[in-house]
Amino acid sequence: MGPDVLDWDDLRFFLAIARHGSLTAACRELRVAQSTVGRRLASLEASLGVRLLHRTPEGYTLTLAGQDVLRQAERVETEALGVERSVAGRDVKLAGAVRVTCTETIAAHILAPCFAALQRQHPGILVELMPDPRVVSLSMREADIAVRLIRSEQHDLVVRRIGQIAFGLYASPDYLEQHGAPDFEAGCPGHRLMTLLDDVEIDPQAQWLSDLAARASLGMQTSSQEALLFAARSGGGLACLARFRADPDPGLRRLETPLPPPVTEIWLAVHKDSRSTPRVRVALSAIADAVKALGSTLSPRD
């Protein structure tokens, strides 16, 4: 069975179901109705005369034939995406969509104002801003640009440092009144920590908290920096937060710590095939300029 006999559009639907294991998740990725996803899978299986996926109570699993088709479909996908990036790289118009992925806090407080100004200057550019704690693939065209607090090691990306964000340890005045000042030398016994989930935690933050408060109990984990801030403000416990968000908040108090708080680099990444596309290039410049303009706010020196 060669990939040339398969319809690429049907293969996209099959790949989404195979990767996510459910029609619901696949339809979210593809932005179509669940019935459409199911219909395209049935169409592909009918054209091949073989079942590709088993439906189980836990979701969809690949059959042996499905495993063979998956390997070939991924090769076709790689080639198709390469063609799309190559064509997009020759687009000379300052118009069209630019998809940007970043964390929730960066999206709301840095990029949203930046892109509002960009749209006024270039109304033909549509920015799709996607706050997501997960690292999405630029190679798979899940986004055009990524703004992250960890450097990507993908070989086909152009990555540069554009700034940094300083963090600190915070708690609400009410929490500190109830629990007292943390004893850092003893590892903060009797205190609660609120942290990011392991799959989105930024390594310097996680290690710093571990060294600082080894005997504190874990009170909450979340994938959202904003949720972390509001939980700390509500008296949930100690949290490592970005200073540019937490310092101005009257409901939070920054604690002096024996270990220097982490400062995290901000990285801007774009696929090498699309970095010269005018609309992408303009968006990259706008992001870098916005972060530079906020330099002393994002990383105060005191």
Protein backbone atom coordinates (compact mmCIF):
# COMPACT_ATOMS: atom_id res chain seq x y z
CA MET A 1 0.00 0.00 0.00
CA GLY A 2 1.68 3.24 -1.10
CA PRO A 3 0.93 6.68 0.26
CA ASP A 4 0.04 7.90 -3.24
CA VAL A 5 -3.27 5.95 -3.14
CA LEU A 6 -4.36 7.64 0.06
CA ASP A 7 -6.31 10.90 0.23
CA TRP A 8 -4.25 13.37 2.31
CA ASP A 9 -7.34 15.08 3.66
CA ASP A 10 -8.67 11.76 5.00
CA LEU A 11 -5.24 10.98 6.39
CA ARG A 12 -5.25 14.21 8.43
CA PHE A 13 -8.40 13.05 10.21
CA PHE A 14 -6.98 9.58 10.79
CA LEU A 15 -3.75 11.02 12.22
CA ALA A 16 -5.64 13.26 14.65
CA ILE A 17 -7.73 10.38 16.00
CA ALA A 18 -4.72 8.06 16.22
CA ARG A 19 -2.69 10.65 18.15
CA HIS A 20 -5.39 11.76 20.56
CA GLY A 21 -7.32 8.50 20.93
CA SER A 22 -10.73 10.19 20.77
CA LEU A 23 -13.03 11.86 18.26
CA THR A 24 -13.66 14.76 20.64
CA ALA A 25 -9.99 15.69 20.94
CA ALA A 26 -9.48 15.20 17.20
CA CYS A 27 -12.35 17.53 16.33
CA ARG A 28 -10.89 20.22 18.62
CA GLU A 29 -7.56 20.02 16.81
CA LEU A 30 -9.13 20.00 13.35
CA ARG A 31 -11.85 22.55 14.24
CA VAL A 32 -14.65 20.51 12.74
CA ALA A 33 -17.73 18.72 14.08
CA GLN A 34 -17.31 15.31 15.68
CA SER A 35 -19.60 13.79 13.07
CA THR A 36 -17.24 15.01 10.34
CA VAL A 37 -14.26 13.33 11.98
CA GLY A 38 -16.14 10.04 12.28
CA ARG A 39 -17.36 10.25 8.70
CA ARG A 40 -13.88 10.88 7.30
CA LEU A 41 -12.45 7.94 9.25
CA ALA A 42 -15.22 5.68 7.93
CA SER A 43 -14.54 6.93 4.40
CA LEU A 44 -10.83 6.13 4.66
CA GLU A 45 -11.45 2.67 6.09
CA ALA A 46 -14.01 1.94 3.37
CA SER A 47 -11.66 3.03 0.58
CA LEU A 48 -8.88 0.82 1.97
CA GLY A 49 -11.16 -2.08 2.82
CA VAL A 50 -9.62 -2.51 6.26
CA ARG A 51 -10.28 -1.36 9.82
CA LEU A 52 -7.64 1.06 11.08
CA LEU A 53 -8.85 1.80 14.61
CA HIS A 54 -10.63 -0.19 17.33
CA ARG A 55 -13.07 1.68 19.53
CA THR A 56 -12.62 0.76 23.22
CA PRO A 57 -14.05 2.20 26.48
CA GLU A 58 -10.71 4.05 26.91
CA GLY A 59 -10.76 5.47 23.36
CA TYR A 60 -9.48 4.50 19.92
CA THR A 61 -6.52 2.14 19.49
CA LEU A 62 -4.67 1.23 16.30
CA THR A 63 -5.13 -2.12 14.58
CA LEU A 64 -2.11 -3.77 12.95
CA ALA A 65 -3.20 -2.30 9.61
CA GLY A 66 -3.66 1.06 11.34
CA GLN A 67 -0.09 0.96 12.61
CA ASP A 68 1.17 0.43 9.05
CA VAL A 69 -0.95 3.27 7.70
CA LEU A 70 0.12 5.55 10.58
CA ARG A 71 3.80 5.21 9.66
CA GLN A 72 3.10 6.01 6.02
CA ALA A 73 0.68 8.80 6.87
CA GLU A 74 3.30 10.50 9.04
CA ARG A 75 5.77 10.44 6.14
CA VAL A 76 3.14 11.98 3.86
CA GLU A 77 2.38 14.59 6.53
CA THR A 78 6.04 15.56 6.81
CA GLU A 79 6.28 16.08 3.04
CA ALA A 80 2.98 17.98 2.84
CA LEU A 81 3.91 20.32 5.68
CA GLY A 82 7.29 20.94 4.06
CA VAL A 83 5.53 22.02 0.87
CA GLU A 84 3.18 24.30 2.83
CA ARG A 85 6.07 25.98 4.67
CA SER A 86 8.00 26.44 1.43
CA VAL A 87 5.03 28.08 -0.29
CA ALA A 88 4.23 30.21 2.77
CA GLY A 89 7.83 31.40 2.87
CA ARG A 90 7.40 32.98 -0.56
CA ASP A 91 4.24 34.87 0.40
CA VAL A 92 5.14 38.56 0.05
CA LYS A 93 1.88 40.10 1.29
CA LEU A 94 1.50 41.75 4.70
CA ALA A 95 -1.78 39.91 5.11
CA GLY A 96 -3.04 36.58 6.36
CA ALA A 97 -2.98 34.63 9.60
CA VAL A 98 -0.05 34.34 12.00
CA ARG A 99 -0.52 31.80 14.78
CA VAL A 100 1.41 32.49 18.01
CA THR A 101 1.70 30.13 20.97
CA CYS A 102 2.82 31.19 24.45
CA THR A 103 1.91 30.88 28.11
CA GLU A 104 -1.26 32.44 29.47
CA THR A 105 0.51 35.23 31.38
CA ILE A 106 2.66 36.24 28.41
CA ALA A 107 -0.40 36.19 26.14
CA ALA A 108 -2.53 38.42 28.36
CA HIS A 109 0.01 40.92 29.66
CA ILE A 110 2.62 41.20 26.92
CA LEU A 111 1.36 39.96 23.56
CA ALA A 112 -2.31 40.99 23.56
CA PRO A 113 -1.49 44.74 23.79
CA CYS A 114 1.37 44.25 21.34
CA PHE A 115 -0.86 42.60 18.73
CA ALA A 116 -3.62 45.17 19.15
CA ALA A 117 -1.07 47.80 18.06
CA LEU A 118 0.18 45.55 15.25
CA GLN A 119 -3.33 45.11 13.87
CA ARG A 120 -3.89 48.86 13.79
CA GLN A 121 -0.73 49.23 11.71
CA HIS A 122 -1.32 46.15 9.50
CA PRO A 123 -5.07 45.44 9.45
CA GLY A 124 -4.59 42.66 6.89
CA ILE A 125 -2.71 40.51 9.41
CA LEU A 126 -4.85 38.22 11.56
CA VAL A 127 -3.06 37.12 14.72
CA GLU A 128 -4.26 33.86 16.28
CA LEU A 129 -2.97 34.06 19.86
CA MET A 130 -2.98 30.64 21.55
CA PRO A 131 -2.22 30.62 25.29
CA ASP A 132 -1.16 27.05 26.02
CA PRO A 133 1.20 25.68 28.68
CA ARG A 134 2.15 22.80 26.37
CA VAL A 135 4.98 23.16 23.90
CA VAL A 136 3.36 22.83 20.47
CA SER A 137 5.22 21.89 17.29
CA LEU A 138 6.17 24.60 14.84
CA SER A 139 7.43 21.92 12.46
CA MET A 140 3.93 20.41 12.36
CA ARG A 141 2.45 23.88 11.74
CA GLU A 142 0.56 23.89 15.05
CA ALA A 143 1.81 27.48 15.29
CA ASP A 144 4.01 29.89 13.31
CA ILE A 145 5.74 31.53 16.28
CA ALA A 146 6.42 30.39 19.84
CA VAL A 147 7.25 32.62 22.81
CA ARG A 148 8.48 30.39 25.62
CA LEU A 149 10.39 30.42 28.89
CA ILE A 150 12.47 27.42 27.87
CA ARG A 151 14.71 27.18 24.82
CA SER A 152 13.60 24.81 22.07
CA GLU A 153 16.22 22.36 20.82
CA GLN A 154 14.46 21.50 17.55
CA HIS A 155 17.04 21.68 14.77
CA ASP A 156 14.68 23.25 12.20
CA LEU A 157 13.83 26.29 14.32
CA VAL A 158 15.46 29.69 14.55
CA VAL A 159 15.53 30.62 18.25
CA ARG A 160 16.71 33.79 19.95
CA ARG A 161 16.63 35.24 23.43
CA ILE A 162 14.56 38.43 23.62
CA GLY A 163 14.40 39.16 27.35
CA GLN A 164 13.93 37.68 30.77
CA ILE A 165 11.35 37.43 33.57
CA ALA A 166 12.24 37.61 37.25
CA PHE A 167 10.33 35.51 39.79
CA GLY A 168 9.86 35.65 43.54
CA LEU A 169 8.13 33.83 46.39
CA TYR A 170 4.74 35.24 47.42
CA ALA A 171 1.91 34.73 49.86
CA SER A 172 -1.08 36.74 51.02
CA PRO A 173 -0.88 38.78 54.26
CA ASP A 174 -3.74 36.69 55.70
CA TYR A 175 -1.90 33.45 54.98
CA LEU A 176 1.28 34.74 56.62
CA GLU A 177 -0.67 35.94 59.64
CA GLN A 178 -2.19 32.48 60.08
CA HIS A 179 0.93 30.41 59.36
CA GLY A 180 3.75 32.73 60.35
CA ALA A 181 6.91 33.57 58.43
CA PRO A 182 8.42 30.54 56.66
CA ASP A 183 11.49 29.00 58.30
CA PHE A 184 13.65 28.58 55.21
CA GLU A 185 16.56 27.05 57.09
CA ALA A 186 14.28 24.21 58.24
CA GLY A 187 12.66 23.80 54.78
CA CYS A 188 9.39 25.64 55.54
CA PRO A 189 7.60 23.01 57.68
CA GLY A 190 3.94 23.79 58.35
CA HIS A 191 3.53 25.70 55.09
CA ARG A 192 1.72 24.87 51.86
CA LEU A 193 3.23 25.20 48.40
CA MET A 194 1.27 25.88 45.24
CA THR A 195 3.13 24.97 42.06
CA LEU A 196 2.81 24.40 38.35
CA LEU A 197 2.15 20.87 37.15
CA ASP A 198 5.26 18.83 36.37
CA ASP A 199 4.65 18.87 32.61
CA VAL A 200 4.61 22.68 32.46
CA GLU A 201 6.88 23.61 35.36
CA ILE A 202 9.86 25.72 34.41
CA ASP A 203 12.96 23.88 35.63
CA PRO A 204 14.67 26.80 37.46
CA GLN A 205 11.44 27.56 39.35
CA ALA A 206 10.81 23.94 40.30
CA GLN A 207 14.38 23.39 41.50
CA TRP A 208 14.40 26.65 43.46
CA LEU A 209 11.17 25.78 45.27
CA SER A 210 12.44 22.29 46.01
CA ASP A 211 15.66 23.65 47.54
CA LEU A 212 13.85 26.42 49.42
CA ALA A 213 10.87 24.58 50.91
CA ALA A 214 11.66 20.87 51.00
CA ARG A 215 9.46 20.25 54.06
CA ALA A 216 6.41 22.23 52.93
CA SER A 217 3.31 20.29 51.93
CA LEU A 218 1.84 20.52 48.44
CA GLY A 219 -1.43 22.41 48.45
CA MET A 220 -2.28 22.84 44.76
CA GLN A 221 -0.88 22.24 41.29
CA THR A 222 -2.07 23.91 38.11
CA SER A 223 -1.03 24.50 34.52
CA SER A 224 -1.91 28.21 34.81
CA GLN A 225 0.35 30.94 36.19
CA GLU A 226 -2.71 33.19 36.49
CA ALA A 227 -4.58 30.60 38.58
CA LEU A 228 -1.49 30.31 40.76
CA LEU A 229 -1.47 34.06 41.40
CA PHE A 230 -5.17 34.21 42.29
CA ALA A 231 -4.85 31.17 44.58
CA ALA A 232 -1.93 32.78 46.41
CA ARG A 233 -3.86 36.03 46.75
CA SER A 234 -6.75 34.04 48.25
CA GLY A 235 -4.53 32.59 50.97
CA GLY A 236 -3.80 29.20 49.41
CA GLY A 237 -0.11 29.14 50.31
CA LEU A 238 3.34 30.03 49.02
CA ALA A 239 3.80 30.41 45.26
CA CYS A 240 6.62 31.27 42.87
CA LEU A 241 5.24 34.05 40.67
CA ALA A 242 6.45 36.44 38.00
CA ARG A 243 7.38 39.70 39.72
CA PHE A 244 5.83 41.89 37.03
CA ARG A 245 2.46 40.33 37.90
CA ALA A 246 2.76 39.87 41.64
CA ASP A 247 4.73 42.91 42.85
CA PRO A 248 1.96 45.45 42.06
CA ASP A 249 -0.76 43.24 43.61
CA PRO A 250 -1.79 44.60 47.04
CA GLY A 251 -3.10 41.16 47.99
CA LEU A 252 0.37 39.60 47.81
CA ARG A 253 3.60 40.02 49.74
CA ARG A 254 7.01 39.11 48.31
CA LEU A 255 9.17 37.22 50.78
CA GLU A 256 12.89 37.63 51.25
CA THR A 257 14.56 34.28 50.60
CA PRO A 258 18.05 32.98 51.38
CA LEU A 259 18.40 31.63 47.86
CA PRO A 260 18.33 34.14 44.98
CA PRO A 261 15.00 33.87 43.10
CA PRO A 262 15.15 32.51 39.53
CA VAL A 263 15.34 34.71 36.46
CA THR A 264 13.99 32.94 33.38
CA GLU A 265 14.93 33.73 29.78
CA ILE A 266 12.25 34.56 27.21
CA TRP A 267 12.83 32.76 23.91
CA LEU A 268 11.33 33.59 20.52
CA ALA A 269 11.16 30.69 18.04
CA VAL A 270 10.08 30.41 14.40
CA HIS A 271 10.50 27.72 11.79
CA LYS A 272 13.39 28.44 9.44
CA ASP A 273 11.12 28.01 6.39
CA SER A 274 8.64 30.69 7.44
CA ARG A 275 10.82 33.29 9.20
CA SER A 276 11.15 35.36 6.00
CA THR A 277 7.40 35.51 5.32
CA PRO A 278 6.56 39.22 5.65
CA ARG A 279 3.59 38.83 8.00
CA VAL A 280 5.57 36.46 10.22
CA ARG A 281 8.61 38.74 10.17
CA VAL A 282 6.48 41.74 11.20
CA ALA A 283 4.94 39.75 14.05
CA LEU A 284 8.39 38.61 15.22
CA SER A 285 9.62 42.21 15.31
CA ALA A 286 6.54 43.38 17.19
CA ILE A 287 7.00 40.68 19.85
CA ALA A 288 10.71 41.40 20.32
CA ASP A 289 10.10 45.16 20.54
CA ALA A 290 7.30 44.71 23.09
CA VAL A 291 9.44 42.53 25.35
CA LYS A 292 12.39 44.93 25.05
CA ALA A 293 10.21 47.90 25.97
CA LEU A 294 9.07 46.08 29.12
CA GLY A 295 12.60 45.03 30.08
CA SER A 296 12.86 46.74 33.49
CA THR A 297 9.29 45.78 34.37
CA LEU A 298 9.70 42.11 33.51
CA SER A 299 13.05 41.83 35.28
CA PRO A 300 13.45 44.53 37.97
CA ARG A 301 16.97 44.91 39.35
CA ASP A 302 16.10 45.46 43.02
